[in-house]
Amino acid sequence: MSVNSADEGPAVEVVLVKAGRTKIRYPARLLSDDGSRIAVRAPWAGGGVRDFGFVRFEPGDVFTEYYWRDRWYSVKEVRAHDGTLKGHYCDITRPAVRSGPELVVEDLDLDLWCSADGTDVRRLDEDEFAASGLEASDPAAAAAAVAALDDLESLARAGGLGTLLA
């Protein structure tokens, strides 16, 4: 299967939940599920271009997404329409739950970006995380989220994100 083909494999729907509500649902193709890690591939699910300043997600981009049932994050390999690696977008989430054709993930606001060459590693949305109230409502989950972000940042700075995806 081509790294830029989002048309092969069994259908699955990724459901991203935030603050108890569905934030987005989008179709993907299941690449693998080994009981711990689930890999899917999907085209950019946004309605158009999303320019973050440090990266642009746009129609034609393909995301190979990795979710874990026992880890508090997901890692998305982002490629342009021509297959060029843009980088890795990491979401801090509760462990993923797959039920039949649905893959449900609860977003905990914290994110990490790592450019393709590894020179730009940045923590994102820490202000949203602080405003979410998770530290007060679920201190254990908040601690797990912060620890996951710290672990991913360390891996990214050491050039090791690829080890999670191999």
N, C-alpha and C. Protein backbone atom coordinates (compact mmCIF):
# COMPACT_ATOMS: atom_id res chain seq x y z
N MET A 1 0.84 -1.18 0.00
CA MET A 1 0.00 0.00 0.00
C MET A 1 0.88 1.24 0.00
N SER A 2 0.59 2.18 -0.84
CA SER A 2 1.34 3.43 -0.94
C SER A 2 1.14 4.27 0.31
N VAL A 3 2.20 4.99 0.72
CA VAL A 3 2.09 5.86 1.88
C VAL A 3 1.12 7.00 1.66
N ASN A 4 0.73 7.23 0.43
CA ASN A 4 -0.19 8.31 0.17
C ASN A 4 -1.54 7.82 -0.34
N SER A 5 -1.83 6.54 -0.16
CA SER A 5 -3.13 6.02 -0.55
C SER A 5 -4.01 5.91 0.67
N ALA A 6 -5.13 6.61 0.65
CA ALA A 6 -6.09 6.53 1.75
C ALA A 6 -7.29 5.70 1.32
N ASP A 7 -7.14 4.90 0.25
CA ASP A 7 -8.28 4.18 -0.31
C ASP A 7 -8.22 2.67 -0.12
N GLU A 8 -7.22 2.16 0.60
CA GLU A 8 -7.09 0.72 0.74
C GLU A 8 -7.27 0.31 2.20
N GLY A 9 -7.81 -0.89 2.43
CA GLY A 9 -8.02 -1.41 3.77
C GLY A 9 -9.47 -1.27 4.18
N PRO A 10 -9.87 -2.01 5.22
CA PRO A 10 -11.26 -1.94 5.70
C PRO A 10 -11.61 -0.54 6.21
N ALA A 11 -12.85 -0.15 6.02
CA ALA A 11 -13.31 1.17 6.45
C ALA A 11 -13.43 1.22 7.97
N VAL A 12 -13.08 2.36 8.53
CA VAL A 12 -13.25 2.64 9.95
C VAL A 12 -13.59 4.13 10.05
N GLU A 13 -14.33 4.50 11.07
CA GLU A 13 -14.64 5.91 11.28
C GLU A 13 -13.93 6.37 12.54
N VAL A 14 -13.11 7.39 12.42
CA VAL A 14 -12.42 7.97 13.56
C VAL A 14 -13.36 9.01 14.17
N VAL A 15 -13.58 8.89 15.48
CA VAL A 15 -14.45 9.81 16.20
C VAL A 15 -13.60 10.51 17.26
N LEU A 16 -13.40 11.80 17.08
CA LEU A 16 -12.62 12.59 18.03
C LEU A 16 -13.58 13.31 18.96
N VAL A 17 -13.48 13.01 20.23
CA VAL A 17 -14.35 13.59 21.26
C VAL A 17 -13.54 14.59 22.06
N LYS A 18 -14.17 15.70 22.38
CA LYS A 18 -13.51 16.73 23.20
C LYS A 18 -14.55 17.30 24.15
N ALA A 19 -14.22 17.32 25.43
CA ALA A 19 -15.12 17.86 26.46
C ALA A 19 -16.50 17.20 26.40
N GLY A 20 -16.52 15.89 26.15
CA GLY A 20 -17.77 15.15 26.16
C GLY A 20 -18.61 15.24 24.89
N ARG A 21 -18.13 15.98 23.89
CA ARG A 21 -18.89 16.14 22.63
C ARG A 21 -18.03 15.69 21.46
N THR A 22 -18.69 15.19 20.43
CA THR A 22 -17.96 14.81 19.23
C THR A 22 -17.48 16.08 18.53
N LYS A 23 -16.17 16.16 18.37
CA LYS A 23 -15.55 17.31 17.70
C LYS A 23 -15.54 17.11 16.19
N ILE A 24 -15.19 15.88 15.77
CA ILE A 24 -15.15 15.56 14.34
C ILE A 24 -15.23 14.05 14.17
N ARG A 25 -15.85 13.64 13.09
CA ARG A 25 -15.89 12.24 12.65
C ARG A 25 -15.40 12.23 11.22
N TYR A 26 -14.57 11.25 10.89
CA TYR A 26 -14.11 11.19 9.51
C TYR A 26 -13.77 9.75 9.14
N PRO A 27 -13.94 9.43 7.86
CA PRO A 27 -13.65 8.08 7.40
C PRO A 27 -12.16 7.85 7.24
N ALA A 28 -11.74 6.64 7.54
CA ALA A 28 -10.35 6.24 7.40
C ALA A 28 -10.32 4.79 6.94
N ARG A 29 -9.13 4.31 6.67
CA ARG A 29 -8.93 2.90 6.30
C ARG A 29 -8.03 2.26 7.34
N LEU A 30 -8.45 1.12 7.85
CA LEU A 30 -7.67 0.40 8.84
C LEU A 30 -6.45 -0.23 8.17
N LEU A 31 -5.27 0.07 8.70
CA LEU A 31 -4.04 -0.53 8.20
C LEU A 31 -3.63 -1.73 9.04
N SER A 32 -3.79 -1.59 10.37
CA SER A 32 -3.43 -2.68 11.27
C SER A 32 -4.04 -2.45 12.65
N ASP A 33 -4.19 -3.54 13.39
CA ASP A 33 -4.63 -3.50 14.78
C ASP A 33 -4.04 -4.74 15.44
N ASP A 34 -3.00 -4.52 16.25
CA ASP A 34 -2.33 -5.66 16.89
C ASP A 34 -2.82 -5.92 18.31
N GLY A 35 -3.91 -5.27 18.68
CA GLY A 35 -4.45 -5.42 20.03
C GLY A 35 -4.01 -4.31 20.96
N SER A 36 -2.91 -3.65 20.63
CA SER A 36 -2.43 -2.52 21.42
C SER A 36 -2.42 -1.25 20.57
N ARG A 37 -1.78 -1.35 19.40
CA ARG A 37 -1.68 -0.19 18.50
C ARG A 37 -2.58 -0.38 17.30
N ILE A 38 -3.29 0.69 16.96
CA ILE A 38 -4.19 0.71 15.81
C ILE A 38 -3.64 1.74 14.83
N ALA A 39 -3.50 1.37 13.57
CA ALA A 39 -3.03 2.30 12.54
C ALA A 39 -4.11 2.45 11.48
N VAL A 40 -4.39 3.70 11.12
CA VAL A 40 -5.36 4.01 10.07
C VAL A 40 -4.76 5.04 9.14
N ARG A 41 -5.34 5.16 7.95
CA ARG A 41 -4.91 6.18 7.00
C ARG A 41 -6.15 6.91 6.52
N ALA A 42 -6.03 8.24 6.44
CA ALA A 42 -7.17 9.06 6.03
C ALA A 42 -6.67 10.30 5.32
N PRO A 43 -7.47 10.80 4.38
CA PRO A 43 -7.14 12.10 3.80
C PRO A 43 -7.42 13.19 4.82
N TRP A 44 -6.81 14.35 4.64
CA TRP A 44 -7.05 15.51 5.50
C TRP A 44 -8.55 15.72 5.61
N ALA A 45 -9.05 15.74 6.84
CA ALA A 45 -10.49 15.80 7.09
C ALA A 45 -11.02 17.22 7.23
N GLY A 46 -10.14 18.19 7.17
CA GLY A 46 -10.59 19.58 7.27
C GLY A 46 -11.30 20.01 6.00
N GLY A 47 -12.08 21.06 6.10
CA GLY A 47 -12.86 21.54 4.98
C GLY A 47 -12.06 22.35 3.97
N GLY A 48 -10.83 22.62 4.24
CA GLY A 48 -10.00 23.42 3.35
C GLY A 48 -8.59 23.47 3.91
N VAL A 49 -7.91 24.56 3.68
CA VAL A 49 -6.54 24.72 4.17
C VAL A 49 -6.58 25.18 5.63
N ARG A 50 -5.73 24.58 6.44
CA ARG A 50 -5.54 25.04 7.83
C ARG A 50 -4.07 25.38 7.98
N ASP A 51 -3.79 26.67 8.07
CA ASP A 51 -2.42 27.15 8.15
C ASP A 51 -2.09 27.48 9.60
N PHE A 52 -1.19 26.72 10.19
CA PHE A 52 -0.78 26.93 11.57
C PHE A 52 0.39 27.92 11.66
N GLY A 53 0.94 28.30 10.54
CA GLY A 53 2.12 29.15 10.53
C GLY A 53 3.39 28.32 10.38
N PHE A 54 3.45 27.19 11.05
CA PHE A 54 4.62 26.32 10.97
C PHE A 54 4.36 25.13 10.05
N VAL A 55 3.10 24.86 9.70
CA VAL A 55 2.73 23.81 8.75
C VAL A 55 1.33 24.14 8.22
N ARG A 56 1.08 23.70 6.99
CA ARG A 56 -0.25 23.85 6.39
C ARG A 56 -0.81 22.46 6.13
N PHE A 57 -2.03 22.22 6.62
CA PHE A 57 -2.77 21.01 6.27
C PHE A 57 -3.73 21.44 5.17
N GLU A 58 -3.77 20.64 4.10
CA GLU A 58 -4.58 21.06 2.96
C GLU A 58 -5.13 19.86 2.21
N PRO A 59 -6.16 20.09 1.40
CA PRO A 59 -6.71 18.99 0.61
C PRO A 59 -5.60 18.27 -0.15
N GLY A 60 -5.66 16.95 -0.14
CA GLY A 60 -4.63 16.14 -0.78
C GLY A 60 -3.64 15.57 0.21
N ASP A 61 -3.52 16.18 1.40
CA ASP A 61 -2.64 15.64 2.43
C ASP A 61 -3.22 14.31 2.91
N VAL A 62 -2.32 13.41 3.29
CA VAL A 62 -2.74 12.10 3.80
C VAL A 62 -2.11 11.91 5.18
N PHE A 63 -2.95 11.48 6.11
CA PHE A 63 -2.53 11.25 7.49
C PHE A 63 -2.51 9.76 7.77
N THR A 64 -1.36 9.23 8.17
CA THR A 64 -1.28 7.87 8.69
C THR A 64 -1.24 8.04 10.20
N GLU A 65 -2.29 7.54 10.86
CA GLU A 65 -2.52 7.84 12.26
C GLU A 65 -2.34 6.58 13.11
N TYR A 66 -1.64 6.75 14.22
CA TYR A 66 -1.35 5.65 15.12
C TYR A 66 -1.98 5.95 16.48
N TYR A 67 -2.79 5.01 16.96
CA TYR A 67 -3.48 5.14 18.24
C TYR A 67 -3.13 3.93 19.10
N TRP A 68 -3.13 4.15 20.40
CA TRP A 68 -2.83 3.06 21.32
C TRP A 68 -3.95 2.88 22.33
N ARG A 69 -4.19 1.64 22.69
CA ARG A 69 -5.18 1.33 23.72
C ARG A 69 -4.59 1.49 25.13
N ASP A 70 -3.28 1.62 25.22
CA ASP A 70 -2.62 1.68 26.52
C ASP A 70 -1.70 2.90 26.68
N ARG A 71 -1.83 3.87 25.79
CA ARG A 71 -1.01 5.09 25.88
C ARG A 71 -1.92 6.31 25.75
N TRP A 72 -1.43 7.41 26.26
CA TRP A 72 -2.22 8.63 26.34
C TRP A 72 -1.88 9.60 25.20
N TYR A 73 -1.70 9.07 24.00
CA TYR A 73 -1.42 9.92 22.85
C TYR A 73 -1.71 9.18 21.55
N SER A 74 -1.76 9.97 20.48
CA SER A 74 -1.78 9.44 19.12
C SER A 74 -0.74 10.21 18.33
N VAL A 75 -0.21 9.57 17.30
CA VAL A 75 0.80 10.20 16.45
C VAL A 75 0.32 10.11 15.01
N LYS A 76 0.32 11.24 14.34
CA LYS A 76 -0.16 11.31 12.96
C LYS A 76 0.99 11.73 12.05
N GLU A 77 1.35 10.83 11.13
CA GLU A 77 2.36 11.15 10.12
C GLU A 77 1.63 11.89 9.00
N VAL A 78 2.08 13.09 8.69
CA VAL A 78 1.39 13.95 7.72
C VAL A 78 2.24 14.04 6.46
N ARG A 79 1.62 13.65 5.34
CA ARG A 79 2.30 13.73 4.04
C ARG A 79 1.50 14.60 3.07
N ALA A 80 2.22 15.34 2.25
CA ALA A 80 1.61 16.14 1.20
C ALA A 80 1.07 15.22 0.11
N HIS A 81 0.30 15.79 -0.79
CA HIS A 81 -0.31 15.01 -1.88
C HIS A 81 0.72 14.24 -2.71
N ASP A 82 1.96 14.74 -2.77
CA ASP A 82 2.99 14.08 -3.56
C ASP A 82 3.80 13.05 -2.76
N GLY A 83 3.41 12.83 -1.50
CA GLY A 83 4.09 11.86 -0.65
C GLY A 83 5.19 12.43 0.22
N THR A 84 5.50 13.71 0.06
CA THR A 84 6.54 14.34 0.86
C THR A 84 6.10 14.43 2.32
N LEU A 85 6.96 13.99 3.22
CA LEU A 85 6.66 14.06 4.64
C LEU A 85 6.69 15.50 5.12
N LYS A 86 5.59 15.96 5.72
CA LYS A 86 5.53 17.30 6.31
C LYS A 86 5.99 17.24 7.77
N GLY A 87 5.62 16.17 8.47
CA GLY A 87 6.00 16.05 9.86
C GLY A 87 5.03 15.16 10.62
N HIS A 88 5.09 15.25 11.93
CA HIS A 88 4.24 14.45 12.81
C HIS A 88 3.47 15.35 13.76
N TYR A 89 2.17 15.16 13.76
CA TYR A 89 1.29 15.89 14.68
C TYR A 89 0.83 14.90 15.73
N CYS A 90 1.10 15.21 16.99
CA CYS A 90 0.78 14.30 18.09
C CYS A 90 -0.31 14.92 18.95
N ASP A 91 -1.36 14.16 19.19
CA ASP A 91 -2.44 14.58 20.08
C ASP A 91 -2.30 13.84 21.40
N ILE A 92 -2.48 14.56 22.48
CA ILE A 92 -2.55 13.92 23.79
C ILE A 92 -4.01 13.55 24.00
N THR A 93 -4.25 12.26 24.23
CA THR A 93 -5.60 11.72 24.30
C THR A 93 -5.68 10.67 25.41
N ARG A 94 -6.89 10.33 25.77
CA ARG A 94 -7.06 9.13 26.58
C ARG A 94 -6.78 7.95 25.65
N PRO A 95 -6.47 6.76 26.21
CA PRO A 95 -6.27 5.60 25.34
C PRO A 95 -7.46 5.38 24.40
N ALA A 96 -7.16 4.96 23.18
CA ALA A 96 -8.17 4.78 22.14
C ALA A 96 -9.06 3.56 22.43
N VAL A 97 -10.30 3.64 21.93
CA VAL A 97 -11.25 2.54 22.05
C VAL A 97 -11.78 2.23 20.65
N ARG A 98 -11.60 0.99 20.22
CA ARG A 98 -12.15 0.57 18.93
C ARG A 98 -13.31 -0.36 19.18
N SER A 99 -14.44 -0.01 18.61
CA SER A 99 -15.65 -0.81 18.73
C SER A 99 -16.22 -0.99 17.33
N GLY A 100 -16.01 -2.18 16.77
CA GLY A 100 -16.47 -2.42 15.40
C GLY A 100 -15.82 -1.44 14.45
N PRO A 101 -16.63 -0.74 13.67
CA PRO A 101 -16.07 0.18 12.67
C PRO A 101 -15.71 1.56 13.21
N GLU A 102 -15.87 1.78 14.53
CA GLU A 102 -15.55 3.08 15.10
C GLU A 102 -14.28 3.02 15.95
N LEU A 103 -13.49 4.07 15.82
CA LEU A 103 -12.31 4.27 16.63
C LEU A 103 -12.53 5.59 17.37
N VAL A 104 -12.75 5.50 18.68
CA VAL A 104 -13.10 6.68 19.47
C VAL A 104 -11.90 7.11 20.30
N VAL A 105 -11.60 8.41 20.21
CA VAL A 105 -10.46 8.97 20.91
C VAL A 105 -10.89 10.28 21.57
N GLU A 106 -10.54 10.43 22.86
CA GLU A 106 -10.87 11.66 23.58
C GLU A 106 -9.66 12.58 23.63
N ASP A 107 -9.77 13.72 22.98
CA ASP A 107 -8.72 14.72 22.89
C ASP A 107 -8.62 15.47 24.22
N LEU A 108 -7.40 15.58 24.75
CA LEU A 108 -7.18 16.28 26.03
C LEU A 108 -6.48 17.62 25.84
N ASP A 109 -6.59 18.19 24.65
CA ASP A 109 -6.15 19.54 24.30
C ASP A 109 -4.66 19.69 24.01
N LEU A 110 -3.79 19.00 24.72
CA LEU A 110 -2.36 19.17 24.48
C LEU A 110 -1.94 18.52 23.17
N ASP A 111 -1.02 19.17 22.45
CA ASP A 111 -0.53 18.65 21.18
C ASP A 111 0.96 18.91 21.07
N LEU A 112 1.58 18.20 20.13
CA LEU A 112 3.00 18.38 19.83
C LEU A 112 3.17 18.30 18.32
N TRP A 113 3.97 19.18 17.77
CA TRP A 113 4.32 19.14 16.36
C TRP A 113 5.82 18.86 16.24
N CYS A 114 6.19 18.00 15.29
CA CYS A 114 7.59 17.75 14.97
C CYS A 114 7.72 17.78 13.45
N SER A 115 8.50 18.73 12.95
CA SER A 115 8.69 18.85 11.50
C SER A 115 9.39 17.62 10.94
N ALA A 116 9.31 17.45 9.63
CA ALA A 116 9.89 16.28 8.97
C ALA A 116 11.38 16.14 9.26
N ASP A 117 12.10 17.25 9.33
CA ASP A 117 13.55 17.17 9.57
C ASP A 117 13.89 17.18 11.06
N GLY A 118 12.88 17.28 11.92
CA GLY A 118 13.10 17.22 13.36
C GLY A 118 13.63 18.49 14.00
N THR A 119 13.78 19.55 13.21
CA THR A 119 14.35 20.78 13.77
C THR A 119 13.31 21.66 14.47
N ASP A 120 12.04 21.44 14.18
CA ASP A 120 10.96 22.23 14.79
C ASP A 120 10.09 21.30 15.63
N VAL A 121 10.31 21.32 16.93
CA VAL A 121 9.50 20.54 17.87
C VAL A 121 8.84 21.56 18.78
N ARG A 122 7.51 21.55 18.79
CA ARG A 122 6.82 22.55 19.60
C ARG A 122 5.59 21.98 20.30
N ARG A 123 5.44 22.40 21.54
CA ARG A 123 4.25 22.06 22.33
C ARG A 123 3.15 23.04 21.95
N LEU A 124 1.93 22.52 21.85
CA LEU A 124 0.80 23.34 21.42
C LEU A 124 -0.36 23.23 22.41
N ASP A 125 -1.13 24.28 22.48
CA ASP A 125 -2.41 24.32 23.19
C ASP A 125 -2.32 24.11 24.69
N GLU A 126 -1.19 24.45 25.29
CA GLU A 126 -1.09 24.32 26.74
C GLU A 126 -2.09 25.25 27.44
N ASP A 127 -2.40 26.39 26.80
CA ASP A 127 -3.39 27.29 27.36
C ASP A 127 -4.79 26.66 27.36
N GLU A 128 -5.13 25.94 26.30
CA GLU A 128 -6.43 25.25 26.24
C GLU A 128 -6.52 24.15 27.30
N PHE A 129 -5.42 23.45 27.50
CA PHE A 129 -5.37 22.40 28.51
C PHE A 129 -5.60 23.01 29.90
N ALA A 130 -4.92 24.11 30.20
CA ALA A 130 -5.08 24.76 31.50
C ALA A 130 -6.52 25.23 31.70
N ALA A 131 -7.13 25.74 30.62
CA ALA A 131 -8.51 26.24 30.71
C ALA A 131 -9.55 25.13 30.76
N SER A 132 -9.17 23.92 30.39
CA SER A 132 -10.14 22.81 30.32
C SER A 132 -10.66 22.37 31.68
N GLY A 133 -9.90 22.65 32.73
CA GLY A 133 -10.33 22.24 34.07
C GLY A 133 -10.03 20.78 34.39
N LEU A 134 -9.32 20.09 33.52
CA LEU A 134 -9.04 18.67 33.75
C LEU A 134 -8.21 18.45 35.01
N GLU A 135 -7.31 19.37 35.30
CA GLU A 135 -6.48 19.21 36.50
C GLU A 135 -7.33 19.16 37.76
N ALA A 136 -8.43 19.89 37.79
CA ALA A 136 -9.32 19.88 38.95
C ALA A 136 -10.31 18.71 38.90
N SER A 137 -10.84 18.43 37.71
CA SER A 137 -11.89 17.41 37.60
C SER A 137 -11.35 15.98 37.56
N ASP A 138 -10.14 15.80 37.02
CA ASP A 138 -9.55 14.46 36.93
C ASP A 138 -8.03 14.59 37.01
N PRO A 139 -7.51 14.80 38.22
CA PRO A 139 -6.07 15.03 38.37
C PRO A 139 -5.21 13.90 37.82
N ALA A 140 -5.66 12.66 37.94
CA ALA A 140 -4.86 11.53 37.44
C ALA A 140 -4.75 11.60 35.91
N ALA A 141 -5.85 11.91 35.24
CA ALA A 141 -5.82 12.04 33.78
C ALA A 141 -4.95 13.22 33.37
N ALA A 142 -5.05 14.32 34.09
CA ALA A 142 -4.23 15.50 33.77
C ALA A 142 -2.75 15.16 33.91
N ALA A 143 -2.39 14.44 34.96
CA ALA A 143 -0.99 14.06 35.15
C ALA A 143 -0.52 13.12 34.05
N ALA A 144 -1.37 12.18 33.66
CA ALA A 144 -1.03 11.26 32.57
C ALA A 144 -0.85 12.02 31.26
N ALA A 145 -1.69 13.02 31.03
CA ALA A 145 -1.60 13.82 29.80
C ALA A 145 -0.28 14.60 29.75
N VAL A 146 0.08 15.24 30.83
CA VAL A 146 1.32 16.02 30.87
C VAL A 146 2.53 15.09 30.72
N ALA A 147 2.49 13.94 31.38
CA ALA A 147 3.59 12.96 31.26
C ALA A 147 3.72 12.48 29.82
N ALA A 148 2.59 12.24 29.16
CA ALA A 148 2.61 11.79 27.76
C ALA A 148 3.22 12.86 26.86
N LEU A 149 2.86 14.12 27.08
CA LEU A 149 3.43 15.21 26.28
C LEU A 149 4.94 15.30 26.51
N ASP A 150 5.36 15.20 27.76
CA ASP A 150 6.79 15.24 28.06
C ASP A 150 7.53 14.10 27.37
N ASP A 151 6.96 12.89 27.42
CA ASP A 151 7.59 11.72 26.78
C ASP A 151 7.71 11.91 25.27
N LEU A 152 6.62 12.37 24.64
CA LEU A 152 6.65 12.58 23.19
C LEU A 152 7.65 13.66 22.80
N GLU A 153 7.70 14.73 23.57
CA GLU A 153 8.65 15.80 23.26
C GLU A 153 10.09 15.27 23.36
N SER A 154 10.38 14.50 24.40
CA SER A 154 11.72 13.93 24.54
C SER A 154 12.07 13.03 23.37
N LEU A 155 11.12 12.18 22.97
CA LEU A 155 11.33 11.30 21.81
C LEU A 155 11.57 12.11 20.55
N ALA A 156 10.75 13.12 20.32
CA ALA A 156 10.88 13.95 19.11
C ALA A 156 12.23 14.66 19.08
N ARG A 157 12.64 15.21 20.20
CA ARG A 157 13.93 15.94 20.23
C ARG A 157 15.11 15.00 20.04
N ALA A 158 14.93 13.73 20.40
CA ALA A 158 16.00 12.74 20.21
C ALA A 158 15.91 12.04 18.86
N GLY A 159 14.93 12.47 18.03
CA GLY A 159 14.75 11.86 16.72
C GLY A 159 14.12 10.48 16.76
N GLY A 160 13.40 10.17 17.84
CA GLY A 160 12.88 8.83 18.03
C GLY A 160 11.40 8.61 17.77
N LEU A 161 10.68 9.60 17.23
CA LEU A 161 9.25 9.39 16.97
C LEU A 161 9.03 8.21 16.03
N GLY A 162 9.92 8.03 15.09
CA GLY A 162 9.80 6.95 14.13
C GLY A 162 9.79 5.56 14.78
N THR A 163 10.41 5.45 15.95
CA THR A 163 10.43 4.15 16.63
C THR A 163 9.03 3.74 17.09
N LEU A 164 8.17 4.71 17.33
CA LEU A 164 6.79 4.42 17.72
C LEU A 164 5.97 3.89 16.56
N LEU A 165 6.39 4.24 15.35
CA LEU A 165 5.58 3.95 14.16
C LEU A 165 6.07 2.73 13.40
N ALA A 166 7.25 2.25 13.71
CA ALA A 166 7.82 1.10 12.99
C ALA A 166 7.06 -0.17 13.28
